[in-house]
């Protein structure tokens, strides 16, 4: 019975042992079959046991995406241990906090640099005893092992545990993982997910998505995040070949090499790609631009039929065939040419951008979910879907709207609680209903609309509630805007901090005959700011007057994980940003 991750793995090995399951970008590396994956998982299981790790022990992983990450994940679970993933971009403060709270004894890291960063933890007063490095690194500390040496422990000590030996001990209520939220505010909380949560995720996605063993998935988002982690396990369950990408910046090249059919992404990916396509189009001749815009217009018209599973008119079919030959096929080739669907969640995605990608045949399976709900609460169906929503609520998941229009979720996907935080768990659970902290509503058709984070809603000093995400999503479509944060809580009106696209800013300066001026001075040039504010105002005409951004300031430094203004999941740390730019913000209100 496949009620546990390792039970499912064993079942797949027995039935499809020689089939490929893990593929590598490097041509020098051979794919792993199910049998080979099983053998390697047993090596991890045996190695952990030799090092003293036992059932229910918490084991940490800090690494970029790679096959060894996934292998270790399965090996820890095979030992009935609990996987505690941490982002490769985590600060020492975050790592130390998680390490101390979960009392980790064994920590896996990816690179020699990560080993150097965390090795000082071995000499601190904590429970850490061993560090195992996926890369081969020079070390004189016998408490630090390379992954190859770790895998060799079983043969070296003539000790081996097979997965079938432990089969009877695997139970659905076993704790599988503790995933720490990066948190936009406050200390991180460890979300506890059992094997039963993973099993539930497989089943509800099997009903909703069309996946087959012919598919190939590119693992692009961090495996330390619930979205990619659960997605990769769904791929395992569905016999979909997985290719891991260790450097997200290589995604353009990887798409062309791997040519995946499936890949989960976050809205930021589409925002940046859309911006890149629009910039490229502006370099074309007027004739090419006209053809491009015509093709997209026909694709957008087709979206209206496809979204309600209606038959396309013959004339539209003919136009789409021409558009596909002239434009669409070239656009899809940017993504490798084989993509069938791209699950997307994690933040708000503009309807216009979503429709644009769907128009040329790249189906974006847009959805909504949280770590506490084992990812998906809702997502687009393949046949019928409604733009402006986060799709239809997943099978077996209950959603209702509570006080202050808060989205509440109930079902087998809801987590077991926050690790060692009973009070925080009680604060978000009522009679089995999880309080998401998100504002939203349900349509008559059972589609979910998420409007904003309740904690992110701003209240101006004149008593008006404003959704910053709504405005940011709108203004993010402006060509000039690289990044934007809307400000206005307890302020008389709404303002914005904008990180501009410098190429566009310089182009605008040239049009205004502003020459021989440094980039930094362009950011504060009164004439340019006035023009930008006029553009911003024009884009907001359909908003209520109290929602509109009245003033803007341009920033040189982008919002990044490294400077503390974004979380590891690329969400804005609003409070950190407002603290950092307090003087700049205050100046807009003088």
Protein backbone atom coordinates (compact mmCIF):
# COMPACT_ATOMS: atom_id res chain seq x y z
CA UNK A 1 0.00 0.00 0.00
CA UNK A 2 1.52 3.31 -1.12
CA UNK A 3 0.81 5.27 2.07
CA UNK A 4 4.42 6.37 2.66
CA UNK A 5 7.05 7.93 0.38
CA UNK A 6 9.39 4.92 0.69
CA UNK A 7 6.59 2.40 0.21
CA UNK A 8 5.76 4.21 -3.04
CA UNK A 9 9.45 4.19 -4.04
CA UNK A 10 9.71 0.45 -3.44
CA UNK A 11 6.57 -0.17 -5.46
CA UNK A 12 7.98 1.80 -8.43
CA UNK A 13 11.36 0.01 -8.21
CA UNK A 14 9.68 -3.41 -8.26
CA UNK A 15 7.48 -2.53 -11.24
CA UNK A 16 9.69 -0.25 -13.36
CA UNK A 17 13.22 -0.99 -12.10
CA UNK A 18 15.15 -0.50 -15.36
CA UNK A 19 13.30 2.65 -16.48
CA UNK A 20 15.01 6.05 -16.34
CA UNK A 21 13.91 8.38 -13.52
CA UNK A 22 16.77 10.89 -12.89
CA UNK A 23 18.50 12.52 -15.87
CA UNK A 24 21.54 14.82 -15.90
CA UNK A 25 22.33 17.87 -18.03
CA UNK A 26 25.98 16.84 -18.23
CA UNK A 27 26.48 14.44 -21.13
CA UNK A 28 29.27 12.71 -19.20
CA UNK A 29 26.80 11.53 -16.55
CA UNK A 30 24.50 8.60 -17.14
CA UNK A 31 20.85 8.66 -16.06
CA UNK A 32 19.73 6.81 -12.93
CA UNK A 33 17.17 4.06 -13.30
CA UNK A 34 14.69 3.23 -10.54
CA UNK A 35 16.95 0.33 -9.52
CA UNK A 36 20.01 2.57 -9.29
CA UNK A 37 18.09 5.21 -7.35
CA UNK A 38 16.96 2.50 -4.91
CA UNK A 39 20.53 1.24 -4.43
CA UNK A 40 21.80 4.76 -3.73
CA UNK A 41 18.95 5.44 -1.28
CA UNK A 42 19.97 2.27 0.58
CA UNK A 43 23.56 3.56 0.73
CA UNK A 44 22.32 6.80 2.33
CA UNK A 45 20.09 4.83 4.73
CA UNK A 46 22.98 2.56 5.75
CA UNK A 47 25.42 5.47 6.08
CA UNK A 48 23.05 7.38 8.34
CA UNK A 49 22.60 4.33 10.52
CA UNK A 50 26.39 3.83 10.78
CA UNK A 51 26.76 7.47 11.89
CA UNK A 52 24.20 6.93 14.63
CA UNK A 53 21.14 8.55 13.07
CA UNK A 54 17.91 6.85 14.09
CA UNK A 55 14.16 7.05 13.50
CA UNK A 56 12.64 10.48 14.22
CA UNK A 57 16.05 12.20 14.24
CA UNK A 58 16.07 15.55 12.45
CA UNK A 59 18.63 15.75 9.62
CA UNK A 60 19.45 19.00 7.82
CA UNK A 61 20.16 19.80 4.15
CA UNK A 62 21.61 23.09 2.87
CA UNK A 63 22.29 22.97 -0.84
CA UNK A 64 21.32 24.15 -4.29
CA UNK A 65 19.19 21.76 -6.34
CA UNK A 66 20.99 18.61 -7.40
CA UNK A 67 20.31 14.88 -7.62
CA UNK A 68 22.23 14.32 -4.36
CA UNK A 69 19.76 16.62 -2.55
CA UNK A 70 16.82 14.52 -3.67
CA UNK A 71 18.68 11.27 -3.00
CA UNK A 72 19.51 12.40 0.54
CA UNK A 73 15.90 13.47 1.08
CA UNK A 74 14.74 9.95 0.24
CA UNK A 75 17.54 8.33 2.26
CA UNK A 76 16.65 10.25 5.42
CA UNK A 77 13.00 9.27 4.98
CA UNK A 78 14.07 5.64 4.42
CA UNK A 79 15.76 5.79 7.82
CA UNK A 80 12.46 7.13 9.21
CA UNK A 81 14.27 10.39 9.90
CA UNK A 82 12.87 13.90 9.49
CA UNK A 83 14.25 16.10 6.69
CA UNK A 84 14.93 19.72 7.66
CA UNK A 85 15.73 21.64 4.45
CA UNK A 86 17.34 25.08 4.56
CA UNK A 87 17.80 27.50 1.69
CA UNK A 88 21.24 27.70 0.09
CA UNK A 89 20.86 31.46 0.53
CA UNK A 90 20.16 31.22 4.28
CA UNK A 91 22.11 33.49 6.61
CA UNK A 92 24.17 32.05 9.47
CA UNK A 93 21.62 33.52 11.87
CA UNK A 94 18.79 31.57 10.19
CA UNK A 95 20.83 28.35 10.01
CA UNK A 96 21.88 28.61 13.65
CA UNK A 97 18.28 29.21 14.78
CA UNK A 98 16.93 26.16 12.88
CA UNK A 99 19.87 23.98 13.90
CA UNK A 100 19.37 24.76 17.59
CA UNK A 101 15.58 24.39 17.56
CA UNK A 102 15.58 21.04 15.70
CA UNK A 103 18.71 19.69 17.46
CA UNK A 104 20.26 18.48 14.20
CA UNK A 105 23.18 16.06 14.58
CA UNK A 106 23.96 15.52 10.89
CA UNK A 107 23.97 18.30 8.31
CA UNK A 108 24.35 17.81 4.54
CA UNK A 109 25.68 20.76 2.52
CA UNK A 110 26.21 21.21 -1.21
CA UNK A 111 29.46 23.02 -1.90
CA UNK A 112 32.89 23.56 -0.37
CA UNK A 113 31.94 27.20 0.21
CA UNK A 114 28.85 26.16 2.18
CA UNK A 115 31.00 23.74 4.17
CA UNK A 116 33.41 26.57 5.03
CA UNK A 117 30.51 28.78 6.11
CA UNK A 118 28.93 26.28 8.51
CA UNK A 119 31.91 24.32 9.84
CA UNK A 120 32.23 26.74 12.79
CA UNK A 121 28.92 25.30 14.05
CA UNK A 122 30.74 22.05 14.91
CA UNK A 123 32.61 23.93 17.67
CA UNK A 124 29.60 25.70 19.13
CA UNK A 125 27.41 24.47 21.97
CA UNK A 126 24.81 22.59 19.95
CA UNK A 127 23.96 19.06 18.88
CA UNK A 128 25.77 19.09 15.50
CA UNK A 129 28.23 16.19 15.16
CA UNK A 130 28.78 15.71 11.42
CA UNK A 131 28.83 17.69 8.18
CA UNK A 132 28.59 15.80 4.88
CA UNK A 133 29.48 17.68 1.66
CA UNK A 134 28.05 16.75 -1.72
CA UNK A 135 31.11 18.21 -3.47
CA UNK A 136 34.55 16.66 -2.94
CA UNK A 137 36.45 19.08 -0.69
CA UNK A 138 39.81 18.98 1.04
CA UNK A 139 39.35 18.71 4.80
CA UNK A 140 41.48 17.67 7.78
CA UNK A 141 38.51 17.53 10.15
CA UNK A 142 37.29 13.95 10.62
CA UNK A 143 33.86 15.34 11.56
CA UNK A 144 33.43 16.44 7.92
CA UNK A 145 32.89 13.81 5.19
CA UNK A 146 32.55 14.03 1.43
CA UNK A 147 29.33 12.53 0.09
CA UNK A 148 31.25 9.87 -1.85
CA UNK A 149 33.02 8.77 1.36
CA UNK A 150 29.70 8.79 3.19
CA UNK A 151 28.13 6.52 0.55
CA UNK A 152 31.12 4.21 0.83
CA UNK A 153 30.64 3.63 4.57
CA UNK A 154 28.27 0.72 3.96
CA UNK A 155 30.79 -1.25 1.89
CA UNK A 156 33.72 -0.19 4.05
CA UNK A 157 32.07 -1.50 7.21
CA UNK A 158 30.24 -4.41 5.53
CA UNK A 159 26.94 -3.10 6.81
CA UNK A 160 23.86 -2.77 4.62
CA UNK A 161 20.17 -2.12 5.26
CA UNK A 162 17.72 -2.71 2.42
CA UNK A 163 14.50 -0.76 2.01
CA UNK A 164 12.46 -3.95 2.18
CA UNK A 165 14.01 -4.76 5.58
CA UNK A 166 12.35 -1.67 7.04
CA UNK A 167 9.10 -1.88 5.07
CA UNK A 168 6.90 -2.84 8.03
CA UNK A 169 8.10 0.18 10.03
CA UNK A 170 7.01 2.80 7.47
CA UNK A 171 3.77 4.43 8.63
CA UNK A 172 1.71 7.26 7.08
CA UNK A 173 1.77 9.19 10.37
CA UNK A 174 5.59 9.32 10.38
CA UNK A 175 6.83 12.90 10.34
CA UNK A 176 8.50 13.41 6.94
CA UNK A 177 9.81 16.94 7.08
CA UNK A 178 9.98 20.24 8.94
CA UNK A 179 9.98 23.11 6.45
CA UNK A 180 10.83 26.51 7.86
CA UNK A 181 9.08 29.50 6.39
CA UNK A 182 11.52 32.27 5.55
CA UNK A 183 8.99 34.71 6.98
CA UNK A 184 8.50 38.32 5.93
CA UNK A 185 8.43 39.25 9.62
CA UNK A 186 9.17 37.55 12.93
CA UNK A 187 11.15 34.39 13.68
CA UNK A 188 10.80 31.41 11.31
CA UNK A 189 8.29 28.67 12.08
CA UNK A 190 8.86 25.01 11.22
CA UNK A 191 5.89 23.51 9.36
CA UNK A 192 5.51 19.79 10.15
CA UNK A 193 4.36 17.58 7.26
CA UNK A 194 3.78 13.84 7.57
CA UNK A 195 4.12 11.18 4.89
CA UNK A 196 0.32 11.17 4.70
CA UNK A 197 0.51 14.80 3.53
CA UNK A 198 2.86 13.81 0.70
CA UNK A 199 0.59 10.90 -0.27
CA UNK A 200 -2.44 13.20 -0.33
CA UNK A 201 -0.56 15.64 -2.59
CA UNK A 202 0.16 12.86 -5.13
CA UNK A 203 -3.45 11.78 -5.30
CA UNK A 204 -5.12 15.17 -5.63
CA UNK A 205 -2.63 16.27 -8.30
CA UNK A 206 -3.11 12.99 -10.17
CA UNK A 207 -6.80 13.90 -10.46
CA UNK A 208 -6.12 17.49 -11.51
CA UNK A 209 -3.04 17.30 -13.78
CA UNK A 210 -2.27 15.29 -16.92
CA UNK A 211 1.11 13.68 -16.22
CA UNK A 212 2.70 10.66 -17.90
CA UNK A 213 6.00 8.71 -17.94
CA UNK A 214 6.74 10.45 -21.25
CA UNK A 215 7.06 13.79 -19.44
CA UNK A 216 10.32 15.43 -18.36
CA UNK A 217 10.42 17.90 -15.48
CA UNK A 218 13.14 20.52 -14.94
CA UNK A 219 13.63 21.14 -11.22
CA UNK A 220 14.23 24.88 -11.19
CA UNK A 221 12.92 26.31 -7.91
CA UNK A 222 14.74 25.51 -4.63
CA UNK A 223 14.00 22.00 -3.33
CA UNK A 224 14.03 23.57 0.13
CA UNK A 225 10.72 25.25 -0.81
CA UNK A 226 7.50 23.25 -0.45
CA UNK A 227 6.44 23.93 -4.07
CA UNK A 228 9.42 22.31 -5.83
CA UNK A 229 9.83 19.64 -3.15
CA UNK A 230 6.26 18.38 -3.36
CA UNK A 231 6.31 18.76 -7.14
CA UNK A 232 9.42 16.55 -7.38
CA UNK A 233 7.76 13.87 -5.25
CA UNK A 234 4.66 14.06 -7.47
CA UNK A 235 6.99 13.52 -10.45
CA UNK A 236 8.44 10.46 -8.71
CA UNK A 237 4.94 9.12 -8.05
CA UNK A 238 3.91 9.79 -11.69
CA UNK A 239 7.13 8.24 -13.16
CA UNK A 240 8.14 11.57 -14.72
CA UNK A 241 11.86 11.92 -15.49
CA UNK A 242 13.46 14.68 -13.35
CA UNK A 243 16.41 16.91 -14.27
CA UNK A 244 17.82 19.06 -11.46
CA UNK A 245 19.16 22.55 -12.18
CA UNK A 246 21.70 23.71 -9.60
CA UNK A 247 21.99 27.31 -10.84
CA UNK A 248 18.68 29.09 -11.59
CA UNK A 249 20.56 31.68 -13.66
CA UNK A 250 21.26 28.94 -16.22
CA UNK A 251 17.56 28.33 -16.78
CA UNK A 252 17.47 29.75 -20.34
CA UNK A 253 20.25 27.43 -21.51
CA UNK A 254 18.88 24.52 -19.48
CA UNK A 255 15.44 24.83 -21.10
CA UNK A 256 17.00 24.48 -24.55
CA UNK A 257 19.18 21.52 -23.50
CA UNK A 258 16.65 19.58 -21.39
CA UNK A 259 13.54 20.52 -23.41
CA UNK A 260 11.21 19.73 -20.50
CA UNK A 261 7.49 19.19 -20.83
CA UNK A 262 6.78 20.31 -17.25
CA UNK A 263 8.37 22.89 -14.94
CA UNK A 264 6.96 24.67 -11.91
CA UNK A 265 7.80 28.35 -11.57
CA UNK A 266 6.95 31.47 -9.57
CA UNK A 267 5.31 34.61 -11.07
CA UNK A 268 8.63 36.48 -11.02
CA UNK A 269 9.84 34.13 -13.77
CA UNK A 270 6.99 35.16 -16.06
CA UNK A 271 7.30 38.86 -15.16
CA UNK A 272 10.97 38.88 -16.17
CA UNK A 273 10.43 36.75 -19.29
CA UNK A 274 7.50 38.90 -20.45
CA UNK A 275 9.61 42.02 -19.98
CA UNK A 276 12.45 40.44 -21.98
CA UNK A 277 10.13 39.48 -24.86
CA UNK A 278 8.66 42.99 -24.99
CA UNK A 279 12.12 44.58 -25.04
CA UNK A 280 13.23 42.26 -27.84
CA UNK A 281 10.10 43.09 -29.86
CA UNK A 282 10.90 46.82 -29.74
CA UNK A 283 14.13 46.13 -31.65
CA UNK A 284 12.23 44.62 -34.57
CA UNK A 285 11.03 46.38 -37.71
CA UNK A 286 7.50 47.88 -37.69
CA UNK A 287 6.32 45.04 -39.98
CA UNK A 288 7.59 42.31 -37.62
CA UNK A 289 6.07 44.10 -34.64
CA UNK A 290 2.72 44.28 -36.41
CA UNK A 291 2.81 40.53 -37.19
CA UNK A 292 3.74 39.76 -33.57
CA UNK A 293 0.90 41.85 -32.14
CA UNK A 294 -1.57 40.34 -34.61
CA UNK A 295 -0.55 36.80 -33.65
CA UNK A 296 -0.86 37.50 -29.92
CA UNK A 297 -4.28 39.11 -30.47
CA UNK A 298 -5.49 35.93 -32.21
CA UNK A 299 -4.05 33.83 -29.39
CA UNK A 300 -5.83 35.96 -26.81
CA UNK A 301 -9.09 35.46 -28.69
CA UNK A 302 -8.48 31.70 -28.64
CA UNK A 303 -7.94 31.86 -24.86
CA UNK A 304 -11.59 32.79 -24.47
CA UNK A 305 -12.67 29.54 -26.15
CA UNK A 306 -10.06 27.28 -24.57
CA UNK A 307 -10.74 28.49 -21.03
CA UNK A 308 -14.34 27.29 -21.27
CA UNK A 309 -13.45 24.16 -23.31
CA UNK A 310 -15.37 25.48 -26.33
CA UNK A 311 -14.75 24.57 -29.97
CA UNK A 312 -12.61 27.03 -31.92
CA UNK A 313 -14.23 28.59 -35.04
CA UNK A 314 -12.64 27.35 -38.28
CA UNK A 315 -11.43 30.82 -39.29
CA UNK A 316 -9.73 31.25 -35.92
CA UNK A 317 -8.11 27.82 -36.27
CA UNK A 318 -6.67 28.87 -39.61
CA UNK A 319 -5.36 32.16 -38.20
CA UNK A 320 -3.78 30.33 -35.26
CA UNK A 321 -2.02 27.94 -37.64
CA UNK A 322 -0.48 30.91 -39.45
CA UNK A 323 0.35 32.64 -36.16
CA UNK A 324 1.98 29.46 -34.88
CA UNK A 325 4.24 29.23 -37.91
CA UNK A 326 5.22 32.90 -37.85
CA UNK A 327 5.41 33.65 -34.10
CA UNK A 328 4.20 31.11 -31.53
CA UNK A 329 6.60 28.29 -32.35
CA UNK A 330 9.58 30.64 -32.00
CA UNK A 331 8.34 31.83 -28.61
CA UNK A 332 7.82 28.27 -27.38
CA UNK A 333 11.33 27.36 -28.52
CA UNK A 334 12.67 29.83 -25.97
CA UNK A 335 11.30 27.37 -23.39
CA UNK A 336 12.68 24.33 -25.18
CA UNK A 337 9.73 23.79 -27.48
CA UNK A 338 8.13 20.90 -25.55
CA UNK A 339 6.45 22.55 -22.55
CA UNK A 340 2.90 21.26 -22.01
CA UNK A 341 2.19 23.06 -18.75
CA UNK A 342 3.93 25.19 -16.15
CA UNK A 343 2.44 25.14 -12.65
CA UNK A 344 2.85 28.59 -11.12
CA UNK A 345 2.14 29.88 -7.60
CA UNK A 346 3.73 31.76 -4.73
CA UNK A 347 2.62 35.31 -5.52
CA UNK A 348 0.21 37.34 -7.61
CA UNK A 349 0.53 36.98 -11.38
CA UNK A 350 -0.96 39.63 -13.64
CA UNK A 351 -3.93 38.40 -15.68
CA UNK A 352 -2.52 40.08 -18.79
CA UNK A 353 0.82 38.30 -18.45
CA UNK A 354 -0.92 34.97 -17.76
CA UNK A 355 -3.11 35.38 -20.84
CA UNK A 356 -0.08 36.39 -22.94
CA UNK A 357 1.78 33.12 -22.26
CA UNK A 358 -1.35 31.01 -22.69
CA UNK A 359 -1.98 32.80 -26.00
CA UNK A 360 1.05 31.28 -27.71
CA UNK A 361 0.50 27.79 -26.35
CA UNK A 362 2.39 27.82 -23.05
CA UNK A 363 -0.27 26.69 -20.56
CA UNK A 364 0.34 28.23 -17.14
CA UNK A 365 -1.38 26.16 -14.47
CA UNK A 366 -1.83 29.05 -12.06
CA UNK A 367 -2.69 28.21 -8.47
CA UNK A 368 -2.61 29.06 -4.78
CA UNK A 369 -1.13 27.26 -1.82
CA UNK A 370 1.02 27.49 1.29
CA UNK A 371 3.62 25.39 3.09
CA UNK A 372 0.99 24.69 5.76
CA UNK A 373 -1.36 23.19 3.14
CA UNK A 374 1.30 20.98 1.50
CA UNK A 375 1.38 23.41 -1.42
CA UNK A 376 -1.74 23.42 -3.65
CA UNK A 377 -5.11 24.57 -2.33
CA UNK A 378 -6.37 25.41 -5.82
CA UNK A 379 -5.13 25.53 -9.41
CA UNK A 380 -6.35 25.82 -13.00
CA UNK A 381 -7.93 22.73 -14.46
CA UNK A 382 -6.78 21.68 -17.92
CA UNK A 383 -10.22 21.97 -19.49
CA UNK A 384 -12.13 24.81 -17.80
CA UNK A 385 -10.55 27.72 -15.94
CA UNK A 386 -11.34 31.35 -15.19
CA UNK A 387 -8.83 34.17 -15.55
CA UNK A 388 -8.69 36.43 -12.53
CA UNK A 389 -8.86 33.46 -10.16
CA UNK A 390 -6.36 31.02 -8.64
CA UNK A 391 -8.21 28.12 -10.22
CA UNK A 392 -10.60 25.54 -8.82
CA UNK A 393 -10.20 24.20 -5.28
CA UNK A 394 -8.32 20.89 -5.30
CA UNK A 395 -10.21 17.57 -4.85
CA UNK A 396 -10.66 16.66 -1.18
CA UNK A 397 -9.77 20.16 0.00
CA UNK A 398 -12.36 22.34 1.74
CA UNK A 399 -12.19 26.12 1.58
CA UNK A 400 -14.42 28.70 3.20
CA UNK A 401 -14.21 32.44 3.73
CA UNK A 402 -14.04 33.56 7.36
CA UNK A 403 -14.03 36.87 9.20
CA UNK A 404 -12.36 39.76 7.35
CA UNK A 405 -12.69 37.64 4.19
CA UNK A 406 -9.86 35.37 5.34
CA UNK A 407 -9.30 32.15 3.37
CA UNK A 408 -9.70 29.10 5.64
CA UNK A 409 -8.60 25.60 4.55
CA UNK A 410 -9.49 22.16 5.88
CA UNK A 411 -8.57 18.63 4.79
CA UNK A 412 -5.85 15.99 4.65
CA UNK A 413 -3.44 18.51 3.13
CA UNK A 414 -3.37 20.74 6.24
CA UNK A 415 -0.16 20.47 8.26
CA UNK A 416 0.34 18.89 11.70
CA UNK A 417 1.42 22.12 13.39
CA UNK A 418 4.47 24.30 13.93
CA UNK A 419 7.47 22.51 15.41
CA UNK A 420 7.78 23.23 19.17
CA UNK A 421 5.31 26.10 18.83
CA UNK A 422 1.97 25.01 20.24
CA UNK A 423 0.77 28.54 20.89
CA UNK A 424 1.47 29.65 17.30
CA UNK A 425 -0.26 26.50 16.00
CA UNK A 426 -3.36 27.16 18.12
CA UNK A 427 -3.48 30.73 16.83
CA UNK A 428 -4.03 29.57 13.22
CA UNK A 429 -6.20 26.47 13.79
CA UNK A 430 -9.91 26.45 14.69
CA UNK A 431 -11.87 23.18 14.61
CA UNK A 432 -9.58 21.78 11.93
CA UNK A 433 -9.71 24.95 9.82
CA UNK A 434 -6.35 26.56 9.01
CA UNK A 435 -6.41 30.36 8.95
CA UNK A 436 -4.17 31.28 6.01
CA UNK A 437 -3.80 34.98 6.75
CA UNK A 438 -4.80 35.65 3.13
CA UNK A 439 -7.81 37.63 2.04
CA UNK A 440 -9.98 36.18 -0.72
CA UNK A 441 -13.32 34.93 -1.95
CA UNK A 442 -14.97 31.94 -3.65
CA UNK A 443 -16.87 32.25 -6.91
CA UNK A 444 -20.13 30.42 -7.65
CA UNK A 445 -18.16 28.00 -9.84
CA UNK A 446 -15.89 26.99 -6.95
CA UNK A 447 -12.90 29.04 -8.07
CA UNK A 448 -10.74 30.73 -5.47
CA UNK A 449 -9.65 34.35 -5.69
CA UNK A 450 -6.80 35.46 -3.42
CA UNK A 451 -6.79 39.26 -3.17
CA UNK A 452 -4.04 40.05 -0.66
CA UNK A 453 -2.19 39.15 2.50
CA UNK A 454 -4.30 40.42 5.39
CA UNK A 455 -1.14 41.57 7.14
CA UNK A 456 -0.02 43.38 3.98
CA UNK A 457 -3.22 45.40 3.62
CA UNK A 458 -2.45 49.06 4.22
CA UNK A 459 -4.73 51.56 5.92
CA UNK A 460 -4.06 55.14 4.97
CA UNK A 461 -4.25 57.87 7.61
CA UNK A 462 -7.64 58.88 6.17
CA UNK A 463 -9.04 55.40 6.93
CA UNK A 464 -8.98 53.80 3.46
CA UNK A 465 -7.80 50.19 3.02
CA UNK A 466 -5.43 49.64 0.10
CA UNK A 467 -4.01 46.41 -1.40
CA UNK A 468 -0.33 46.95 -2.24
CA UNK A 469 -0.08 43.72 -4.25
CA UNK A 470 -2.93 44.78 -6.51
CA UNK A 471 -1.16 48.06 -7.36
CA UNK A 472 2.27 46.44 -7.66
CA UNK A 473 0.94 43.80 -10.06
CA UNK A 474 -0.56 46.57 -12.20
CA UNK A 475 2.52 48.82 -12.28
CA UNK A 476 4.96 45.91 -12.69
CA UNK A 477 3.74 45.76 -16.29
CA UNK A 478 5.21 49.18 -17.05
CA UNK A 479 8.35 48.74 -19.18
CA UNK A 480 10.39 51.00 -16.92
CA UNK A 481 9.61 49.07 -13.73
CA UNK A 482 12.07 46.35 -12.75
CA UNK A 483 10.82 46.08 -9.14
CA UNK A 484 8.29 48.03 -7.10
CA UNK A 485 7.12 48.36 -3.50
CA UNK A 486 3.99 50.34 -2.69
CA UNK A 487 3.94 52.31 0.57
CA UNK A 488 1.03 53.98 2.36
CA UNK A 489 0.28 52.41 5.75
CA UNK A 490 -0.75 55.20 8.15
CA UNK A 491 0.22 57.74 5.49
CA UNK A 492 -2.08 60.34 3.85
CA UNK A 493 -1.67 58.86 0.35
CA UNK A 494 0.03 56.02 -1.54
CA UNK A 495 3.62 56.23 -2.84
CA UNK A 496 6.04 53.78 -4.42
CA UNK A 497 9.72 52.83 -4.39
CA UNK A 498 10.74 51.74 -7.89
CA UNK A 499 13.89 49.98 -9.05
CA UNK A 500 13.93 51.05 -12.71
CA UNK A 501 15.23 49.21 -15.74
CA UNK A 502 18.24 51.44 -16.45
CA UNK A 503 18.15 50.89 -20.22
CA UNK A 504 14.58 52.27 -20.30
CA UNK A 505 15.46 55.13 -17.99
CA UNK A 506 18.34 56.16 -20.26
CA UNK A 507 16.07 55.87 -23.29
CA UNK A 508 13.56 58.15 -21.58
CA UNK A 509 16.33 60.60 -20.69
CA UNK A 510 17.42 60.68 -24.35
CA UNK A 511 13.87 61.52 -25.44
CA UNK A 512 13.90 64.44 -23.00
CA UNK A 513 17.35 65.50 -24.27
CA UNK A 514 18.93 64.90 -20.88
CA UNK A 515 22.54 64.14 -21.78
CA UNK A 516 25.94 63.72 -20.13
CA UNK A 517 24.50 62.75 -16.78
CA UNK A 518 25.59 59.91 -14.47
CA UNK A 519 23.23 56.96 -13.92
CA UNK A 520 22.90 57.82 -10.23
CA UNK A 521 21.87 61.40 -11.06
CA UNK A 522 19.26 60.14 -13.52
CA UNK A 523 17.47 58.47 -10.61
CA UNK A 524 16.75 61.81 -8.95
CA UNK A 525 16.36 64.08 -12.01
CA UNK A 526 13.19 66.19 -11.40
CA UNK A 527 12.20 66.19 -15.07
CA UNK A 528 12.37 62.39 -15.33
CA UNK A 529 10.54 61.84 -12.04
CA UNK A 530 7.71 64.06 -13.26
CA UNK A 531 7.41 62.10 -16.52
CA UNK A 532 7.48 58.76 -14.65
CA UNK A 533 4.79 59.94 -12.20
CA UNK A 534 2.62 60.92 -15.18
CA UNK A 535 3.11 57.42 -16.67
CA UNK A 536 2.26 55.80 -13.33
CA UNK A 537 -0.83 57.96 -12.93
CA UNK A 538 -2.06 57.10 -16.43
CA UNK A 539 -1.72 53.36 -15.70
CA UNK A 540 -3.93 53.70 -12.60
CA UNK A 541 -6.94 55.50 -14.07
CA UNK A 542 -9.33 52.65 -13.27
CA UNK A 543 -8.28 52.56 -9.60
CA UNK A 544 -10.06 54.51 -6.89
CA UNK A 545 -8.40 57.85 -6.21
CA UNK A 546 -7.23 56.78 -2.74
CA UNK A 547 -5.54 53.67 -4.23
CA UNK A 548 -3.42 55.55 -6.76
CA UNK A 549 0.32 56.04 -6.31
CA UNK A 550 0.84 59.81 -6.16
CA UNK A 551 4.63 60.03 -5.87
CA UNK A 552 7.57 57.76 -6.65
CA UNK A 553 11.25 57.49 -5.77
CA UNK A 554 13.74 55.61 -7.91
CA UNK A 555 16.26 53.29 -6.25
CA UNK A 556 19.61 52.17 -7.59
CA UNK A 557 19.98 48.99 -5.53
CA UNK A 558 17.56 46.16 -6.40
CA UNK A 559 15.63 44.21 -3.77
CA UNK A 560 17.52 40.94 -3.21
CA UNK A 561 17.88 38.07 -0.79
CA UNK A 562 21.47 39.16 -0.10
CA UNK A 563 20.57 42.65 1.12
CA UNK A 564 17.72 41.35 3.26
CA UNK A 565 14.88 42.97 1.32
CA UNK A 566 13.51 39.70 -0.11
CA UNK A 567 12.81 36.31 1.43
CA UNK A 568 14.39 33.12 0.10
CA UNK A 569 11.19 32.59 -1.89
CA UNK A 570 11.58 36.02 -3.54
CA UNK A 571 8.81 37.72 -1.58
CA UNK A 572 9.26 41.32 -0.54
CA UNK A 573 10.16 41.99 3.09
CA UNK A 574 8.01 45.09 3.34
CA UNK A 575 8.98 46.05 6.86
CA UNK A 576 12.68 45.65 6.14
CA UNK A 577 12.33 47.76 3.00
CA UNK A 578 10.43 50.50 4.83
CA UNK A 579 13.04 50.51 7.60
CA UNK A 580 15.93 50.65 5.14
CA UNK A 581 14.41 53.47 3.08
CA UNK A 582 12.69 55.36 5.91
CA UNK A 583 14.30 58.69 5.02
CA UNK A 584 13.54 58.29 1.29
CA UNK A 585 9.90 57.49 2.07
CA UNK A 586 9.54 60.36 4.55
CA UNK A 587 10.84 62.74 1.89
CA UNK A 588 7.93 61.85 -0.42
CA UNK A 589 5.48 62.97 2.27
CA UNK A 590 7.15 66.30 3.09
